[in-house]
Amino acid sequence: MCDIQGMSYAEIQQSLDMSESQVKVYLHRSRRKLRENSVLRQIFDSYNGVNSNNESKTSSDVQKASSD
């Protein structure tokens, strides 16, 4: 929610009804899992339009990939 939707810790706290410190703990654990697990990282990157070189995909890249 923070990294993808741009929500603040306070906004996440309100929407999930948990403390701000718990939000920070969950985000830290999630980010660590993404760093350590290459499969999760690929899924996250493809969801966010990032290729394996951490470069954003252009619309032509996306169109080319979908036509292949």
PDB file of N, CA and C in Angstrom:
ATOM      1  N   MET A   1       0.821  -1.188   0.000  1.00  0.00           N
ATOM      2  CA  MET A   1       0.000   0.000   0.000  1.00  0.00           C
ATOM      3  C   MET A   1       0.872   1.262   0.000  1.00  0.00           C
ATOM      4  N   CYS A   2       1.956   1.176   0.713  1.00  0.00           N
ATOM      5  CA  CYS A   2       2.862   2.319   0.779  1.00  0.00           C
ATOM      6  C   CYS A   2       3.648   2.460  -0.520  1.00  0.00           C
ATOM      7  N   ASP A   3       4.268   1.376  -0.960  1.00  0.00           N
ATOM      8  CA  ASP A   3       5.141   1.427  -2.130  1.00  0.00           C
ATOM      9  C   ASP A   3       4.377   1.456  -3.445  1.00  0.00           C
ATOM     10  N   ILE A   4       3.235   0.820  -3.496  1.00  0.00           N
ATOM     11  CA  ILE A   4       2.480   0.745  -4.748  1.00  0.00           C
ATOM     12  C   ILE A   4       1.443   1.850  -4.851  1.00  0.00           C
ATOM     13  N   GLN A   5       0.689   2.068  -3.802  1.00  0.00           N
ATOM     14  CA  GLN A   5      -0.395   3.050  -3.850  1.00  0.00           C
ATOM     15  C   GLN A   5       0.011   4.412  -3.307  1.00  0.00           C
ATOM     16  N   GLY A   6       1.192   4.505  -2.709  1.00  0.00           N
ATOM     17  CA  GLY A   6       1.685   5.783  -2.212  1.00  0.00           C
ATOM     18  C   GLY A   6       1.029   6.252  -0.924  1.00  0.00           C
ATOM     19  N   MET A   7       0.453   5.335  -0.180  1.00  0.00           N
ATOM     20  CA  MET A   7      -0.209   5.700   1.073  1.00  0.00           C
ATOM     21  C   MET A   7       0.826   5.941   2.168  1.00  0.00           C
ATOM     22  N   SER A   8       0.511   6.833   3.082  1.00  0.00           N
ATOM     23  CA  SER A   8       1.383   7.079   4.227  1.00  0.00           C
ATOM     24  C   SER A   8       1.161   5.996   5.280  1.00  0.00           C
ATOM     25  N   TYR A   9       2.077   5.923   6.230  1.00  0.00           N
ATOM     26  CA  TYR A   9       1.920   4.955   7.313  1.00  0.00           C
ATOM     27  C   TYR A   9       0.615   5.200   8.062  1.00  0.00           C
ATOM     28  N   ALA A  10       0.291   6.465   8.298  1.00  0.00           N
ATOM     29  CA  ALA A  10      -0.938   6.801   9.022  1.00  0.00           C
ATOM     30  C   ALA A  10      -2.185   6.364   8.244  1.00  0.00           C
ATOM     31  N   GLU A  11      -2.160   6.534   6.926  1.00  0.00           N
ATOM     32  CA  GLU A  11      -3.300   6.105   6.107  1.00  0.00           C
ATOM     33  C   GLU A  11      -3.466   4.584   6.131  1.00  0.00           C
ATOM     34  N   ILE A  12      -2.351   3.877   6.072  1.00  0.00           N
ATOM     35  CA  ILE A  12      -2.404   2.419   6.143  1.00  0.00           C
ATOM     36  C   ILE A  12      -2.899   1.985   7.521  1.00  0.00           C
ATOM     37  N   GLN A  13      -2.413   2.650   8.546  1.00  0.00           N
ATOM     38  CA  GLN A  13      -2.829   2.366   9.920  1.00  0.00           C
ATOM     39  C   GLN A  13      -4.344   2.463  10.054  1.00  0.00           C
ATOM     40  N   GLN A  14      -4.913   3.513   9.513  1.00  0.00           N
ATOM     41  CA  GLN A  14      -6.364   3.704   9.602  1.00  0.00           C
ATOM     42  C   GLN A  14      -7.118   2.663   8.791  1.00  0.00           C
ATOM     43  N   SER A  15      -6.652   2.383   7.586  1.00  0.00           N
ATOM     44  CA  SER A  15      -7.395   1.469   6.720  1.00  0.00           C
ATOM     45  C   SER A  15      -7.318   0.022   7.201  1.00  0.00           C
ATOM     46  N   LEU A  16      -6.221  -0.353   7.868  1.00  0.00           N
ATOM     47  CA  LEU A  16      -6.071  -1.726   8.349  1.00  0.00           C
ATOM     48  C   LEU A  16      -6.348  -1.877   9.842  1.00  0.00           C
ATOM     49  N   ASP A  17      -6.626  -0.767  10.514  1.00  0.00           N
ATOM     50  CA  ASP A  17      -6.935  -0.760  11.946  1.00  0.00           C
ATOM     51  C   ASP A  17      -5.835  -1.447  12.760  1.00  0.00           C
ATOM     52  N   MET A  18      -4.595  -0.952  12.585  1.00  0.00           N
ATOM     53  CA  MET A  18      -3.462  -1.453  13.359  1.00  0.00           C
ATOM     54  C   MET A  18      -2.555  -0.280  13.698  1.00  0.00           C
ATOM     55  N   SER A  19      -1.626  -0.505  14.607  1.00  0.00           N
ATOM     56  CA  SER A  19      -0.731   0.577  15.010  1.00  0.00           C
ATOM     57  C   SER A  19       0.253   0.910  13.895  1.00  0.00           C
ATOM     58  N   GLU A  20       0.760   2.139  13.936  1.00  0.00           N
ATOM     59  CA  GLU A  20       1.728   2.567  12.933  1.00  0.00           C
ATOM     60  C   GLU A  20       3.005   1.741  13.024  1.00  0.00           C
ATOM     61  N   SER A  21       3.396   1.364  14.236  1.00  0.00           N
ATOM     62  CA  SER A  21       4.601   0.550  14.376  1.00  0.00           C
ATOM     63  C   SER A  21       4.405  -0.829  13.757  1.00  0.00           C
ATOM     64  N   GLN A  22       3.209  -1.391  13.844  1.00  0.00           N
ATOM     65  CA  GLN A  22       2.943  -2.687  13.226  1.00  0.00           C
ATOM     66  C   GLN A  22       2.966  -2.574  11.704  1.00  0.00           C
ATOM     67  N   VAL A  23       2.465  -1.459  11.176  1.00  0.00           N
ATOM     68  CA  VAL A  23       2.526  -1.210   9.732  1.00  0.00           C
ATOM     69  C   VAL A  23       3.981  -1.203   9.282  1.00  0.00           C
ATOM     70  N   LYS A  24       4.836  -0.521  10.030  1.00  0.00           N
ATOM     71  CA  LYS A  24       6.252  -0.446   9.677  1.00  0.00           C
ATOM     72  C   LYS A  24       6.916  -1.819   9.727  1.00  0.00           C
ATOM     73  N   VAL A  25       6.549  -2.620  10.734  1.00  0.00           N
ATOM     74  CA  VAL A  25       7.108  -3.971  10.849  1.00  0.00           C
ATOM     75  C   VAL A  25       6.704  -4.810   9.647  1.00  0.00           C
ATOM     76  N   TYR A  26       5.426  -4.781   9.281  1.00  0.00           N
ATOM     77  CA  TYR A  26       4.944  -5.568   8.135  1.00  0.00           C
ATOM     78  C   TYR A  26       5.614  -5.124   6.834  1.00  0.00           C
ATOM     79  N   LEU A  27       5.760  -3.817   6.639  1.00  0.00           N
ATOM     80  CA  LEU A  27       6.421  -3.322   5.438  1.00  0.00           C
ATOM     81  C   LEU A  27       7.882  -3.747   5.393  1.00  0.00           C
ATOM     82  N   HIS A  28       8.557  -3.676   6.522  1.00  0.00           N
ATOM     83  CA  HIS A  28       9.959  -4.100   6.576  1.00  0.00           C
ATOM     84  C   HIS A  28      10.088  -5.581   6.219  1.00  0.00           C
ATOM     85  N   ARG A  29       9.236  -6.411   6.799  1.00  0.00           N
ATOM     86  CA  ARG A  29       9.286  -7.852   6.520  1.00  0.00           C
ATOM     87  C   ARG A  29       8.979  -8.134   5.052  1.00  0.00           C
ATOM     88  N   SER A  30       8.011  -7.424   4.512  1.00  0.00           N
ATOM     89  CA  SER A  30       7.638  -7.634   3.110  1.00  0.00           C
ATOM     90  C   SER A  30       8.756  -7.233   2.171  1.00  0.00           C
ATOM     91  N   ARG A  31       9.366  -6.091   2.426  1.00  0.00           N
ATOM     92  CA  ARG A  31      10.476  -5.634   1.585  1.00  0.00           C
ATOM     93  C   ARG A  31      11.655  -6.599   1.659  1.00  0.00           C
ATOM     94  N   ARG A  32      11.917  -7.119   2.858  1.00  0.00           N
ATOM     95  CA  ARG A  32      13.003  -8.086   3.019  1.00  0.00           C
ATOM     96  C   ARG A  32      12.714  -9.359   2.223  1.00  0.00           C
ATOM     97  N   LYS A  33      11.475  -9.836   2.260  1.00  0.00           N
ATOM     98  CA  LYS A  33      11.106 -11.024   1.486  1.00  0.00           C
ATOM     99  C   LYS A  33      11.285 -10.783  -0.011  1.00  0.00           C
ATOM    100  N   LEU A  34      10.947  -9.593  -0.475  1.00  0.00           N
ATOM    101  CA  LEU A  34      11.140  -9.272  -1.890  1.00  0.00           C
ATOM    102  C   LEU A  34      12.614  -9.284  -2.269  1.00  0.00           C
ATOM    103  N   ARG A  35      13.460  -8.752  -1.397  1.00  0.00           N
ATOM    104  CA  ARG A  35      14.898  -8.746  -1.672  1.00  0.00           C
ATOM    105  C   ARG A  35      15.467 -10.159  -1.706  1.00  0.00           C
ATOM    106  N   GLU A  36      15.009 -11.017  -0.812  1.00  0.00           N
ATOM    107  CA  GLU A  36      15.583 -12.355  -0.666  1.00  0.00           C
ATOM    108  C   GLU A  36      15.004 -13.380  -1.629  1.00  0.00           C
ATOM    109  N   ASN A  37      13.804 -13.170  -2.143  1.00  0.00           N
ATOM    110  CA  ASN A  37      13.133 -14.173  -2.960  1.00  0.00           C
ATOM    111  C   ASN A  37      13.006 -13.664  -4.393  1.00  0.00           C
ATOM    112  N   SER A  38      13.784 -14.245  -5.302  1.00  0.00           N
ATOM    113  CA  SER A  38      13.818 -13.755  -6.684  1.00  0.00           C
ATOM    114  C   SER A  38      12.480 -13.959  -7.399  1.00  0.00           C
ATOM    115  N   VAL A  39      11.742 -15.015  -7.069  1.00  0.00           N
ATOM    116  CA  VAL A  39      10.444 -15.253  -7.708  1.00  0.00           C
ATOM    117  C   VAL A  39       9.448 -14.168  -7.292  1.00  0.00           C
ATOM    118  N   LEU A  40       9.400 -13.869  -5.997  1.00  0.00           N
ATOM    119  CA  LEU A  40       8.517 -12.793  -5.542  1.00  0.00           C
ATOM    120  C   LEU A  40       8.912 -11.457  -6.163  1.00  0.00           C
ATOM    121  N   ARG A  41      10.222 -11.227  -6.287  1.00  0.00           N
ATOM    122  CA  ARG A  41      10.712  -9.974  -6.861  1.00  0.00           C
ATOM    123  C   ARG A  41      10.280  -9.832  -8.323  1.00  0.00           C
ATOM    124  N   GLN A  42      10.343 -10.929  -9.083  1.00  0.00           N
ATOM    125  CA  GLN A  42       9.911 -10.891 -10.481  1.00  0.00           C
ATOM    126  C   GLN A  42       8.423 -10.582 -10.578  1.00  0.00           C
ATOM    127  N   ILE A  43       7.635 -11.193  -9.702  1.00  0.00           N
ATOM    128  CA  ILE A  43       6.190 -10.933  -9.701  1.00  0.00           C
ATOM    129  C   ILE A  43       5.928  -9.470  -9.372  1.00  0.00           C
ATOM    130  N   PHE A  44       6.601  -8.962  -8.348  1.00  0.00           N
ATOM    131  CA  PHE A  44       6.434  -7.568  -7.943  1.00  0.00           C
ATOM    132  C   PHE A  44       6.845  -6.626  -9.062  1.00  0.00           C
ATOM    133  N   ASP A  45       8.005  -6.903  -9.678  1.00  0.00           N
ATOM    134  CA  ASP A  45       8.494  -6.054 -10.752  1.00  0.00           C
ATOM    135  C   ASP A  45       7.560  -6.066 -11.956  1.00  0.00           C
ATOM    136  N   SER A  46       7.038  -7.249 -12.318  1.00  0.00           N
ATOM    137  CA  SER A  46       6.135  -7.315 -13.466  1.00  0.00           C
ATOM    138  C   SER A  46       4.828  -6.580 -13.170  1.00  0.00           C
ATOM    139  N   TYR A  47       4.380  -6.622 -11.937  1.00  0.00           N
ATOM    140  CA  TYR A  47       3.168  -5.900 -11.537  1.00  0.00           C
ATOM    141  C   TYR A  47       3.377  -4.395 -11.638  1.00  0.00           C
ATOM    142  N   ASN A  48       4.590  -3.954 -11.335  1.00  0.00           N
ATOM    143  CA  ASN A  48       4.895  -2.523 -11.329  1.00  0.00           C
ATOM    144  C   ASN A  48       5.532  -2.024 -12.616  1.00  0.00           C
ATOM    145  N   GLY A  49       5.629  -2.890 -13.625  1.00  0.00           N
ATOM    146  CA  GLY A  49       6.161  -2.464 -14.914  1.00  0.00           C
ATOM    147  C   GLY A  49       7.650  -2.219 -14.912  1.00  0.00           C
ATOM    148  N   VAL A  50       8.403  -3.027 -14.168  1.00  0.00           N
ATOM    149  CA  VAL A  50       9.853  -2.896 -14.111  1.00  0.00           C
ATOM    150  C   VAL A  50      10.454  -4.154 -14.692  1.00  0.00           C
ATOM    151  N   ASN A  51      11.467  -3.989 -15.581  1.00  0.00           N
ATOM    152  CA  ASN A  51      12.125  -5.172 -16.136  1.00  0.00           C
ATOM    153  C   ASN A  51      13.236  -5.630 -15.202  1.00  0.00           C
ATOM    154  N   SER A  52      13.944  -6.673 -15.569  1.00  0.00           N
ATOM    155  CA  SER A  52      14.957  -7.269 -14.694  1.00  0.00           C
ATOM    156  C   SER A  52      16.128  -6.332 -14.404  1.00  0.00           C
ATOM    157  N   ASN A  53      16.313  -5.302 -15.207  1.00  0.00           N
ATOM    158  CA  ASN A  53      17.386  -4.326 -14.978  1.00  0.00           C
ATOM    159  C   ASN A  53      16.919  -3.140 -14.151  1.00  0.00           C
ATOM    160  N   ASN A  54      15.728  -3.283 -13.515  1.00  0.00           N
ATOM    161  CA  ASN A  54      15.126  -2.233 -12.693  1.00  0.00           C
ATOM    162  C   ASN A  54      14.849  -0.959 -13.494  1.00  0.00           C
ATOM    163  N   GLU A  55      14.539  -1.119 -14.760  1.00  0.00           N
ATOM    164  CA  GLU A  55      14.167   0.012 -15.597  1.00  0.00           C
ATOM    165  C   GLU A  55      12.678  -0.077 -15.877  1.00  0.00           C
ATOM    166  N   SER A  56      12.007   1.034 -15.853  1.00  0.00           N
ATOM    167  CA  SER A  56      10.575   1.028 -16.140  1.00  0.00           C
ATOM    168  C   SER A  56      10.335   0.664 -17.588  1.00  0.00           C
ATOM    169  N   LYS A  57       9.291  -0.119 -17.807  1.00  0.00           N
ATOM    170  CA  LYS A  57       8.931  -0.484 -19.173  1.00  0.00           C
ATOM    171  C   LYS A  57       8.178   0.664 -19.815  1.00  0.00           C
ATOM    172  N   THR A  58       8.431   0.875 -21.085  1.00  0.00           N
ATOM    173  CA  THR A  58       7.678   1.871 -21.827  1.00  0.00           C
ATOM    174  C   THR A  58       6.420   1.214 -22.359  1.00  0.00           C
ATOM    175  N   SER A  59       5.481   2.003 -22.826  1.00  0.00           N
ATOM    176  CA  SER A  59       4.253   1.437 -23.370  1.00  0.00           C
ATOM    177  C   SER A  59       4.533   0.582 -24.588  1.00  0.00           C
ATOM    178  N   SER A  60       5.556   0.933 -25.380  1.00  0.00           N
ATOM    179  CA  SER A  60       5.896   0.111 -26.545  1.00  0.00           C
ATOM    180  C   SER A  60       6.465  -1.230 -26.116  1.00  0.00           C
ATOM    181  N   ASP A  61       7.226  -1.266 -24.999  1.00  0.00           N
ATOM    182  CA  ASP A  61       7.737  -2.534 -24.473  1.00  0.00           C
ATOM    183  C   ASP A  61       6.590  -3.439 -24.047  1.00  0.00           C
ATOM    184  N   VAL A  62       5.613  -2.862 -23.379  1.00  0.00           N
ATOM    185  CA  VAL A  62       4.466  -3.628 -22.911  1.00  0.00           C
ATOM    186  C   VAL A  62       3.660  -4.167 -24.105  1.00  0.00           C
ATOM    187  N   GLN A  63       3.448  -3.304 -25.121  1.00  0.00           N
ATOM    188  CA  GLN A  63       2.694  -3.730 -26.299  1.00  0.00           C
ATOM    189  C   GLN A  63       3.448  -4.825 -27.047  1.00  0.00           C
ATOM    190  N   LYS A  64       4.752  -4.694 -27.168  1.00  0.00           N
ATOM    191  CA  LYS A  64       5.548  -5.691 -27.862  1.00  0.00           C
ATOM    192  C   LYS A  64       5.482  -7.035 -27.129  1.00  0.00           C
ATOM    193  N   ALA A  65       5.597  -7.003 -25.811  1.00  0.00           N
ATOM    194  CA  ALA A  65       5.558  -8.229 -25.021  1.00  0.00           C
ATOM    195  C   ALA A  65       4.190  -8.902 -25.107  1.00  0.00           C
ATOM    196  N   SER A  66       3.136  -8.122 -25.142  1.00  0.00           N
ATOM    197  CA  SER A  66       1.791  -8.708 -25.202  1.00  0.00           C
ATOM    198  C   SER A  66       1.485  -9.275 -26.567  1.00  0.00           C
ATOM    199  N   SER A  67       2.163  -8.781 -27.625  1.00  0.00           N
ATOM    200  CA  SER A  67       1.900  -9.301 -28.971  1.00  0.00           C
ATOM    201  C   SER A  67       2.706 -10.554 -29.254  1.00  0.00           C
ATOM    202  N   ASP A  68       3.764 -10.813 -28.466  1.00  0.00           N
ATOM    203  CA  ASP A  68       4.611 -12.006 -28.665  1.00  0.00           C
ATOM    204  C   ASP A  68       3.948 -13.266 -28.255  1.00  0.00           C
TER     205      ASP A  68
END
